[in-house]
Amino acid sequence: MQQITLKIDGMMCGMCESHINESIRNNFSVKKVTSSHTKGETVILTENDLDEAKLKETIDKTGYKLLSVSKAPYEKKKGFFSFLKK
């Protein structure tokens, strides 16, 4: 699983976040997408690597500006009581 973080300029409200999330879901096969207009970023969890050029094109079509893309392996966070599970 891979975590891709997009820095996006122009998001001002919750509807902006929804617009970005919907565009990504419609154009890519992803597990989860979350956006934050206060942080100016979108986080994508996916099994497959996504094409950066297509990401930029998808974001540009929505009227927002993609500033940067960073990729990192995703490791699921363990819960507080996970040490009890065997």
N, C-alpha and C. Protein backbone atom coordinates (compact mmCIF):
# COMPACT_ATOMS: atom_id res chain seq x y z
N MET A 1 0.86 -1.17 0.00
CA MET A 1 0.00 0.00 0.00
C MET A 1 0.90 1.23 0.00
N GLN A 2 0.46 2.25 -0.72
CA GLN A 2 1.24 3.47 -0.87
C GLN A 2 0.41 4.68 -0.46
N GLN A 3 1.06 5.64 0.17
CA GLN A 3 0.41 6.89 0.55
C GLN A 3 0.99 8.00 -0.32
N ILE A 4 0.11 8.69 -1.03
CA ILE A 4 0.53 9.79 -1.89
C ILE A 4 -0.08 11.07 -1.33
N THR A 5 0.77 12.06 -1.05
CA THR A 5 0.31 13.33 -0.50
C THR A 5 0.47 14.41 -1.57
N LEU A 6 -0.62 15.08 -1.86
CA LEU A 6 -0.63 16.15 -2.86
C LEU A 6 -0.79 17.48 -2.15
N LYS A 7 0.06 18.42 -2.44
CA LYS A 7 -0.11 19.80 -1.97
C LYS A 7 -0.88 20.54 -3.06
N ILE A 8 -2.03 21.09 -2.68
CA ILE A 8 -2.93 21.71 -3.65
C ILE A 8 -3.25 23.13 -3.22
N ASP A 9 -3.16 24.06 -4.18
CA ASP A 9 -3.47 25.46 -3.92
C ASP A 9 -4.87 25.78 -4.43
N GLY A 10 -5.64 26.52 -3.66
CA GLY A 10 -6.94 27.00 -4.11
C GLY A 10 -8.13 26.43 -3.36
N MET A 11 -7.94 25.41 -2.53
CA MET A 11 -9.07 24.86 -1.78
C MET A 11 -9.43 25.83 -0.65
N MET A 12 -10.72 26.18 -0.56
CA MET A 12 -11.15 27.15 0.44
C MET A 12 -12.19 26.63 1.42
N CYS A 13 -12.84 25.48 1.10
CA CYS A 13 -13.93 25.02 1.95
C CYS A 13 -14.13 23.51 1.80
N GLY A 14 -15.11 22.98 2.49
CA GLY A 14 -15.41 21.56 2.43
C GLY A 14 -15.87 21.11 1.05
N MET A 15 -16.58 21.98 0.32
CA MET A 15 -17.01 21.62 -1.03
C MET A 15 -15.81 21.49 -1.97
N CYS A 16 -14.79 22.31 -1.76
CA CYS A 16 -13.56 22.20 -2.55
C CYS A 16 -12.92 20.83 -2.31
N GLU A 17 -12.88 20.42 -1.04
CA GLU A 17 -12.32 19.11 -0.68
C GLU A 17 -13.10 18.00 -1.39
N SER A 18 -14.43 18.09 -1.35
CA SER A 18 -15.28 17.08 -1.99
C SER A 18 -15.05 17.03 -3.50
N HIS A 19 -14.88 18.18 -4.10
CA HIS A 19 -14.65 18.26 -5.55
C HIS A 19 -13.35 17.54 -5.92
N ILE A 20 -12.29 17.79 -5.17
CA ILE A 20 -10.99 17.13 -5.41
C ILE A 20 -11.13 15.63 -5.20
N ASN A 21 -11.74 15.21 -4.08
CA ASN A 21 -11.88 13.79 -3.76
C ASN A 21 -12.65 13.05 -4.86
N GLU A 22 -13.75 13.63 -5.30
CA GLU A 22 -14.58 13.01 -6.33
C GLU A 22 -13.81 12.87 -7.65
N SER A 23 -13.06 13.89 -8.01
CA SER A 23 -12.28 13.84 -9.26
C SER A 23 -11.24 12.73 -9.21
N ILE A 24 -10.58 12.58 -8.08
CA ILE A 24 -9.57 11.53 -7.95
C ILE A 24 -10.21 10.15 -7.98
N ARG A 25 -11.31 9.98 -7.26
CA ARG A 25 -12.00 8.68 -7.26
C ARG A 25 -12.50 8.30 -8.65
N ASN A 26 -12.93 9.27 -9.44
CA ASN A 26 -13.45 9.00 -10.78
C ASN A 26 -12.36 8.66 -11.79
N ASN A 27 -11.13 9.10 -11.53
CA ASN A 27 -10.06 8.92 -12.51
C ASN A 27 -9.02 7.87 -12.12
N PHE A 28 -9.01 7.43 -10.87
CA PHE A 28 -8.01 6.48 -10.40
C PHE A 28 -8.65 5.41 -9.53
N SER A 29 -7.98 4.27 -9.47
CA SER A 29 -8.42 3.20 -8.58
C SER A 29 -7.70 3.39 -7.24
N VAL A 30 -8.40 3.91 -6.25
CA VAL A 30 -7.80 4.22 -4.95
C VAL A 30 -8.59 3.56 -3.82
N LYS A 31 -7.93 3.33 -2.70
CA LYS A 31 -8.58 2.79 -1.51
C LYS A 31 -9.28 3.88 -0.71
N LYS A 32 -8.59 5.04 -0.55
CA LYS A 32 -9.12 6.11 0.29
C LYS A 32 -8.54 7.45 -0.18
N VAL A 33 -9.37 8.48 -0.11
CA VAL A 33 -8.92 9.84 -0.43
C VAL A 33 -9.47 10.78 0.63
N THR A 34 -8.61 11.60 1.20
CA THR A 34 -9.05 12.62 2.15
C THR A 34 -8.36 13.93 1.81
N SER A 35 -9.10 15.02 1.91
CA SER A 35 -8.54 16.34 1.63
C SER A 35 -8.75 17.26 2.81
N SER A 36 -7.87 18.24 2.93
CA SER A 36 -7.99 19.26 3.98
C SER A 36 -7.70 20.61 3.36
N HIS A 37 -8.71 21.49 3.34
CA HIS A 37 -8.46 22.82 2.78
C HIS A 37 -7.60 23.66 3.72
N THR A 38 -7.65 23.39 5.02
CA THR A 38 -6.83 24.16 5.96
C THR A 38 -5.34 23.82 5.82
N LYS A 39 -5.05 22.56 5.53
CA LYS A 39 -3.65 22.14 5.31
C LYS A 39 -3.24 22.33 3.85
N GLY A 40 -4.22 22.42 2.96
CA GLY A 40 -3.92 22.54 1.54
C GLY A 40 -3.36 21.27 0.95
N GLU A 41 -3.88 20.13 1.44
CA GLU A 41 -3.35 18.86 0.93
C GLU A 41 -4.43 17.80 0.79
N THR A 42 -4.11 16.82 -0.05
CA THR A 42 -4.95 15.65 -0.26
C THR A 42 -4.08 14.42 -0.06
N VAL A 43 -4.58 13.45 0.70
CA VAL A 43 -3.85 12.21 0.95
C VAL A 43 -4.60 11.07 0.29
N ILE A 44 -3.87 10.29 -0.51
CA ILE A 44 -4.46 9.17 -1.25
C ILE A 44 -3.80 7.88 -0.78
N LEU A 45 -4.60 6.86 -0.48
CA LEU A 45 -4.09 5.53 -0.19
C LEU A 45 -4.45 4.65 -1.37
N THR A 46 -3.45 3.96 -1.92
CA THR A 46 -3.67 3.15 -3.11
C THR A 46 -2.75 1.94 -3.13
N GLU A 47 -3.19 0.91 -3.81
CA GLU A 47 -2.38 -0.30 -4.00
C GLU A 47 -1.35 -0.09 -5.11
N ASN A 48 -1.74 0.69 -6.13
CA ASN A 48 -0.90 0.89 -7.31
C ASN A 48 -0.31 2.29 -7.33
N ASP A 49 0.82 2.42 -8.01
CA ASP A 49 1.43 3.73 -8.19
C ASP A 49 0.57 4.54 -9.16
N LEU A 50 0.40 5.84 -8.90
CA LEU A 50 -0.39 6.70 -9.77
C LEU A 50 0.53 7.57 -10.61
N ASP A 51 0.15 7.79 -11.86
CA ASP A 51 0.92 8.61 -12.78
C ASP A 51 0.82 10.08 -12.37
N GLU A 52 1.97 10.71 -12.10
CA GLU A 52 1.98 12.10 -11.64
C GLU A 52 1.43 13.06 -12.70
N ALA A 53 1.71 12.79 -13.97
CA ALA A 53 1.22 13.66 -15.03
C ALA A 53 -0.31 13.62 -15.10
N LYS A 54 -0.87 12.42 -14.94
CA LYS A 54 -2.34 12.29 -14.96
C LYS A 54 -2.95 12.92 -13.70
N LEU A 55 -2.26 12.81 -12.55
CA LEU A 55 -2.74 13.47 -11.32
C LEU A 55 -2.80 14.98 -11.54
N LYS A 56 -1.72 15.55 -12.10
CA LYS A 56 -1.67 16.99 -12.34
C LYS A 56 -2.79 17.40 -13.30
N GLU A 57 -3.00 16.63 -14.35
CA GLU A 57 -4.05 16.93 -15.32
C GLU A 57 -5.44 16.89 -14.66
N THR A 58 -5.66 15.87 -13.82
CA THR A 58 -6.94 15.72 -13.13
C THR A 58 -7.21 16.89 -12.20
N ILE A 59 -6.21 17.30 -11.43
CA ILE A 59 -6.36 18.43 -10.49
C ILE A 59 -6.55 19.73 -11.27
N ASP A 60 -5.78 19.92 -12.35
CA ASP A 60 -5.90 21.15 -13.15
C ASP A 60 -7.30 21.31 -13.73
N LYS A 61 -7.93 20.19 -14.12
CA LYS A 61 -9.28 20.25 -14.69
C LYS A 61 -10.31 20.74 -13.67
N THR A 62 -10.04 20.54 -12.39
CA THR A 62 -10.97 20.97 -11.35
C THR A 62 -10.84 22.47 -11.05
N GLY A 63 -9.78 23.11 -11.55
CA GLY A 63 -9.58 24.53 -11.32
C GLY A 63 -8.62 24.84 -10.18
N TYR A 64 -8.06 23.81 -9.57
CA TYR A 64 -7.09 24.01 -8.50
C TYR A 64 -5.69 23.76 -9.05
N LYS A 65 -4.67 24.09 -8.27
CA LYS A 65 -3.29 23.96 -8.76
C LYS A 65 -2.52 22.96 -7.91
N LEU A 66 -1.98 21.93 -8.55
CA LEU A 66 -1.16 20.94 -7.87
C LEU A 66 0.25 21.50 -7.70
N LEU A 67 0.69 21.64 -6.45
CA LEU A 67 2.00 22.21 -6.16
C LEU A 67 3.09 21.15 -6.07
N SER A 68 2.79 20.04 -5.39
CA SER A 68 3.80 18.99 -5.24
C SER A 68 3.15 17.64 -4.96
N VAL A 69 3.93 16.58 -5.21
CA VAL A 69 3.49 15.20 -4.98
C VAL A 69 4.58 14.50 -4.20
N SER A 70 4.21 13.86 -3.08
CA SER A 70 5.20 13.05 -2.34
C SER A 70 4.60 11.67 -2.10
N LYS A 71 5.46 10.66 -2.23
CA LYS A 71 5.02 9.28 -2.09
C LYS A 71 5.80 8.60 -0.98
N ALA A 72 5.11 7.73 -0.24
CA ALA A 72 5.74 6.99 0.85
C ALA A 72 4.98 5.68 1.06
N PRO A 73 5.67 4.65 1.52
CA PRO A 73 4.94 3.42 1.84
C PRO A 73 3.99 3.68 3.01
N TYR A 74 2.82 3.05 2.97
CA TYR A 74 1.83 3.24 4.02
C TYR A 74 1.82 2.05 4.95
N GLU A 75 1.92 2.32 6.22
CA GLU A 75 1.81 1.28 7.23
C GLU A 75 0.63 1.62 8.12
N LYS A 76 -0.28 0.68 8.23
CA LYS A 76 -1.47 0.90 9.05
C LYS A 76 -1.05 1.14 10.50
N LYS A 77 -1.63 2.17 11.10
CA LYS A 77 -1.32 2.48 12.49
C LYS A 77 -1.99 1.46 13.39
N LYS A 78 -1.26 1.05 14.40
CA LYS A 78 -1.80 0.09 15.36
C LYS A 78 -2.58 0.82 16.44
N GLY A 79 -3.65 0.20 16.89
CA GLY A 79 -4.48 0.79 17.94
C GLY A 79 -3.80 0.69 19.29
N PHE A 80 -4.36 1.37 20.27
CA PHE A 80 -3.79 1.43 21.61
C PHE A 80 -3.68 0.07 22.26
N PHE A 81 -4.68 -0.79 22.04
CA PHE A 81 -4.68 -2.10 22.68
C PHE A 81 -4.23 -3.22 21.74
N SER A 82 -3.52 -2.89 20.68
CA SER A 82 -3.09 -3.89 19.72
C SER A 82 -2.12 -4.90 20.32
N PHE A 83 -1.43 -4.52 21.39
CA PHE A 83 -0.49 -5.46 22.02
C PHE A 83 -1.22 -6.65 22.65
N LEU A 84 -2.53 -6.53 22.88
CA LEU A 84 -3.29 -7.63 23.47
C LEU A 84 -3.64 -8.71 22.45
N LYS A 85 -3.65 -8.34 21.19
CA LYS A 85 -4.01 -9.28 20.13
C LYS A 85 -2.80 -10.14 19.78
N LYS A 86 -3.04 -11.40 19.61
CA LYS A 86 -1.96 -12.32 19.26
C LYS A 86 -2.07 -12.73 17.82
